[in-house]
Amino acid sequence: MQELMIITSILLALTLIILVSVQPRESQRFFRDLTDQIGKPGYWQSQRGLKATTLLVSLSLLGLLLILMLLQY
C-alpha cells in the first residue's frame, strides 16, 4: 500500500513538473502602468484547462504527501 502511494506521488510530481513547464510565460515589466492591462484577458481566461489541471494535480499531490506524512508518523 505504501509503495503504491510513493509511486503515485512520484508520478504526480513528474506530471506537475511537465504541466508547469508547458504553461506560457509572461514577461514582467514593473514599469508598465495598470491601464495597459485594460481589455486584455485575465490569467484564467487563457488556457483555462491547462491551468485548472495543474491546480488539481498540485492539490492532489499535496494531499497525498500529507497522507504519507501522517502514515509515517
C-alpha atoms as a PDB file:
ATOM      1  CA  MET A   1       0.000   0.000   0.000  1.00  0.00           C
ATOM      2  CA  GLN A   2       2.700   2.432   0.983  1.00  0.00           C
ATOM      3  CA  GLU A   3       4.776   1.577  -2.088  1.00  0.00           C
ATOM      4  CA  LEU A   4       1.779   2.321  -4.287  1.00  0.00           C
ATOM      5  CA  MET A   5       1.345   5.727  -2.648  1.00  0.00           C
ATOM      6  CA  ILE A   6       5.032   6.532  -3.131  1.00  0.00           C
ATOM      7  CA  ILE A   7       4.897   5.562  -6.813  1.00  0.00           C
ATOM      8  CA  THR A   8       1.727   7.643  -7.227  1.00  0.00           C
ATOM      9  CA  SER A   9       3.391  10.655  -5.605  1.00  0.00           C
ATOM     10  CA  ILE A  10       6.400  10.320  -7.913  1.00  0.00           C
ATOM     11  CA  LEU A  11       4.116  10.173 -10.950  1.00  0.00           C
ATOM     12  CA  LEU A  12       2.112  13.184  -9.734  1.00  0.00           C
ATOM     13  CA  ALA A  13       5.312  15.141  -9.119  1.00  0.00           C
ATOM     14  CA  LEU A  14       6.601  14.399 -12.621  1.00  0.00           C
ATOM     15  CA  THR A  15       3.226  15.317 -14.103  1.00  0.00           C
ATOM     16  CA  LEU A  16       3.249  18.595 -12.180  1.00  0.00           C
ATOM     17  CA  ILE A  17       6.746  19.431 -13.431  1.00  0.00           C
ATOM     18  CA  ILE A  18       5.658  18.814 -17.023  1.00  0.00           C
ATOM     19  CA  LEU A  19       2.443  20.836 -16.653  1.00  0.00           C
ATOM     20  CA  VAL A  20       4.239  23.812 -15.129  1.00  0.00           C
ATOM     21  CA  SER A  21       6.932  23.778 -17.799  1.00  0.00           C
ATOM     22  CA  VAL A  22       4.321  23.705 -20.599  1.00  0.00           C
ATOM     23  CA  GLN A  23       2.421  26.750 -19.350  1.00  0.00           C
ATOM     24  CA  PRO A  24       3.016  30.033 -21.162  1.00  0.00           C
ATOM     25  CA  ARG A  25       5.170  32.667 -19.539  1.00  0.00           C
ATOM     26  CA  GLU A  26       4.648  36.397 -19.488  1.00  0.00           C
ATOM     27  CA  SER A  27       7.471  38.840 -19.152  1.00  0.00           C
ATOM     28  CA  GLN A  28       7.053  41.032 -16.129  1.00  0.00           C
ATOM     29  CA  ARG A  29       7.680  44.702 -16.610  1.00  0.00           C
ATOM     30  CA  PHE A  30       7.166  46.540 -13.373  1.00  0.00           C
ATOM     31  CA  PHE A  31       7.239  49.966 -15.000  1.00  0.00           C
ATOM     32  CA  ARG A  32       4.107  49.190 -17.021  1.00  0.00           C
ATOM     33  CA  ASP A  33       1.023  51.106 -15.969  1.00  0.00           C
ATOM     34  CA  LEU A  34      -2.054  49.223 -14.801  1.00  0.00           C
ATOM     35  CA  THR A  35      -4.095  50.815 -17.577  1.00  0.00           C
ATOM     36  CA  ASP A  36      -2.139  48.723 -20.096  1.00  0.00           C
ATOM     37  CA  GLN A  37      -3.994  45.642 -18.842  1.00  0.00           C
ATOM     38  CA  ILE A  38      -7.449  47.008 -19.681  1.00  0.00           C
ATOM     39  CA  GLY A  39      -9.110  44.846 -22.325  1.00  0.00           C
ATOM     40  CA  LYS A  40      -6.569  42.014 -22.089  1.00  0.00           C
ATOM     41  CA  PRO A  41      -7.636  38.558 -20.935  1.00  0.00           C
ATOM     42  CA  GLY A  42      -7.067  37.684 -17.306  1.00  0.00           C
ATOM     43  CA  TYR A  43      -4.891  34.884 -16.023  1.00  0.00           C
ATOM     44  CA  TRP A  44      -7.614  32.221 -16.059  1.00  0.00           C
ATOM     45  CA  GLN A  45      -9.074  33.180 -19.433  1.00  0.00           C
ATOM     46  CA  SER A  46      -6.150  31.887 -21.479  1.00  0.00           C
ATOM     47  CA  GLN A  47      -5.627  28.103 -21.449  1.00  0.00           C
ATOM     48  CA  ARG A  48      -8.099  27.569 -18.619  1.00  0.00           C
ATOM     49  CA  GLY A  49      -8.000  23.765 -18.857  1.00  0.00           C
ATOM     50  CA  LEU A  50      -4.231  23.521 -18.547  1.00  0.00           C
ATOM     51  CA  LYS A  51      -4.156  25.814 -15.549  1.00  0.00           C
ATOM     52  CA  ALA A  52      -7.051  24.030 -13.847  1.00  0.00           C
ATOM     53  CA  THR A  53      -5.359  20.661 -14.443  1.00  0.00           C
ATOM     54  CA  THR A  54      -2.141  21.996 -12.937  1.00  0.00           C
ATOM     55  CA  LEU A  55      -4.047  23.220  -9.902  1.00  0.00           C
ATOM     56  CA  LEU A  56      -5.820  19.864  -9.438  1.00  0.00           C
ATOM     57  CA  VAL A  57      -2.592  17.876  -9.803  1.00  0.00           C
ATOM     58  CA  SER A  58      -0.779  20.080  -7.303  1.00  0.00           C
ATOM     59  CA  LEU A  59      -3.619  19.822  -4.775  1.00  0.00           C
ATOM     60  CA  SER A  60      -3.782  16.049  -5.146  1.00  0.00           C
ATOM     61  CA  LEU A  61      -0.008  15.792  -4.710  1.00  0.00           C
ATOM     62  CA  LEU A  62      -0.214  17.938  -1.582  1.00  0.00           C
ATOM     63  CA  GLY A  63      -2.968  15.754  -0.159  1.00  0.00           C
ATOM     64  CA  LEU A  64      -1.102  12.562  -0.957  1.00  0.00           C
ATOM     65  CA  LEU A  65       2.097  13.842   0.648  1.00  0.00           C
ATOM     66  CA  LEU A  66       0.186  14.872   3.774  1.00  0.00           C
ATOM     67  CA  ILE A  67      -1.342  11.391   3.992  1.00  0.00           C
ATOM     68  CA  LEU A  68       2.105   9.818   3.571  1.00  0.00           C
ATOM     69  CA  MET A  69       3.485  12.027   6.356  1.00  0.00           C
ATOM     70  CA  LEU A  70       0.635  11.019   8.671  1.00  0.00           C
ATOM     71  CA  LEU A  71       1.179   7.331   7.913  1.00  0.00           C
ATOM     72  CA  GLN A  72       4.887   7.605   8.651  1.00  0.00           C
ATOM     73  CA  TYR A  73       4.250   9.300  11.980  1.00  0.00           C
END
